[in-house]
Structures are given as structure tokens and as C-alpha cells.
């Protein structure tokens, strides 16, 4: 990634379909296979960025 490029991780919404998991924790922080979803997206995203 060049210094003038940015990436935006979209993580919005109430997480209603994921309740009761999202009652006390935002969706991006819910762990899947021991890792928060947002962290997984950050780790896998570099190959897909221009």
C-alpha cells in the first residue's frame, strides 16, 4: 500500500441477528475461532488492496 492510500473497515449496525452475543460487545470484537472478527479482516486484507 502506498503512503497516500487508506483502507476503511466498515463495522456498523446494531448486531440484532447476533444477539445475545452483541448485547455487551460490538460485532467487530466478537471472537470467531479465538480472534476478533475485525482483527481477522485486518490480517487478510493486504493482498486485496491495490
C-alpha atoms as a PDB file:
ATOM      1  CA  UNK A   1       0.000   0.000   0.000  1.00  0.00           C
ATOM      2  CA  UNK A   2       1.329   3.440  -0.886  1.00  0.00           C
ATOM      3  CA  UNK A   3       1.502   6.175   1.717  1.00  0.00           C
ATOM      4  CA  UNK A   4      -1.431   8.053   0.129  1.00  0.00           C
ATOM      5  CA  UNK A   5      -3.785   5.032   0.157  1.00  0.00           C
ATOM      6  CA  UNK A   6      -6.098   4.165   3.019  1.00  0.00           C
ATOM      7  CA  UNK A   7      -8.338   1.267   3.902  1.00  0.00           C
ATOM      8  CA  UNK A   8     -11.654   1.597   5.705  1.00  0.00           C
ATOM      9  CA  UNK A   9     -13.117  -1.233   7.745  1.00  0.00           C
ATOM     10  CA  UNK A  10     -16.887  -0.893   7.722  1.00  0.00           C
ATOM     11  CA  UNK A  11     -18.321  -2.164  11.005  1.00  0.00           C
ATOM     12  CA  UNK A  12     -21.737  -0.649  11.579  1.00  0.00           C
ATOM     13  CA  UNK A  13     -25.133  -1.777  12.751  1.00  0.00           C
ATOM     14  CA  UNK A  14     -26.709  -2.988  15.957  1.00  0.00           C
ATOM     15  CA  UNK A  15     -25.919  -6.687  15.547  1.00  0.00           C
ATOM     16  CA  UNK A  16     -29.518  -7.678  16.222  1.00  0.00           C
ATOM     17  CA  UNK A  17     -29.228 -11.001  14.393  1.00  0.00           C
ATOM     18  CA  UNK A  18     -26.220 -11.928  16.517  1.00  0.00           C
ATOM     19  CA  UNK A  19     -27.859 -11.430  19.887  1.00  0.00           C
ATOM     20  CA  UNK A  20     -27.211 -12.375  22.686  1.00  0.00           C
ATOM     21  CA  UNK A  21     -23.537 -12.142  21.630  1.00  0.00           C
ATOM     22  CA  UNK A  22     -23.836  -8.438  20.772  1.00  0.00           C
ATOM     23  CA  UNK A  23     -25.705  -7.298  23.875  1.00  0.00           C
ATOM     24  CA  UNK A  24     -22.464  -6.440  25.705  1.00  0.00           C
ATOM     25  CA  UNK A  25     -19.889  -6.432  22.901  1.00  0.00           C
ATOM     26  CA  UNK A  26     -19.814  -4.768  19.454  1.00  0.00           C
ATOM     27  CA  UNK A  27     -19.855  -7.074  16.404  1.00  0.00           C
ATOM     28  CA  UNK A  28     -16.263  -6.394  15.308  1.00  0.00           C
ATOM     29  CA  UNK A  29     -14.966  -7.586  18.694  1.00  0.00           C
ATOM     30  CA  UNK A  30     -16.848 -10.896  18.780  1.00  0.00           C
ATOM     31  CA  UNK A  31     -14.346 -13.728  18.584  1.00  0.00           C
ATOM     32  CA  UNK A  32     -14.508 -16.272  15.789  1.00  0.00           C
ATOM     33  CA  UNK A  33     -12.020 -19.137  16.140  1.00  0.00           C
ATOM     34  CA  UNK A  34     -10.368 -17.264  19.019  1.00  0.00           C
ATOM     35  CA  UNK A  35      -9.776 -13.990  17.176  1.00  0.00           C
ATOM     36  CA  UNK A  36     -11.964 -10.843  16.969  1.00  0.00           C
ATOM     37  CA  UNK A  37     -13.659 -10.509  13.563  1.00  0.00           C
ATOM     38  CA  UNK A  38     -12.109  -7.069  12.951  1.00  0.00           C
ATOM     39  CA  UNK A  39      -8.612  -8.436  13.570  1.00  0.00           C
ATOM     40  CA  UNK A  40      -9.179 -11.228  11.059  1.00  0.00           C
ATOM     41  CA  UNK A  41     -10.297  -8.718   8.424  1.00  0.00           C
ATOM     42  CA  UNK A  42      -7.237  -6.571   9.036  1.00  0.00           C
ATOM     43  CA  UNK A  43      -4.899  -9.570   8.763  1.00  0.00           C
ATOM     44  CA  UNK A  44      -6.386 -10.896   5.499  1.00  0.00           C
ATOM     45  CA  UNK A  45      -6.929  -7.555   3.745  1.00  0.00           C
ATOM     46  CA  UNK A  46      -3.420  -6.562   2.457  1.00  0.00           C
ATOM     47  CA  UNK A  47      -3.409  -8.927  -0.590  1.00  0.00           C
ATOM     48  CA  UNK A  48      -6.738  -7.451  -1.729  1.00  0.00           C
ATOM     49  CA  UNK A  49      -5.695  -3.810  -1.516  1.00  0.00           C
ATOM     50  CA  UNK A  50      -4.465  -2.101  -4.687  1.00  0.00           C
END
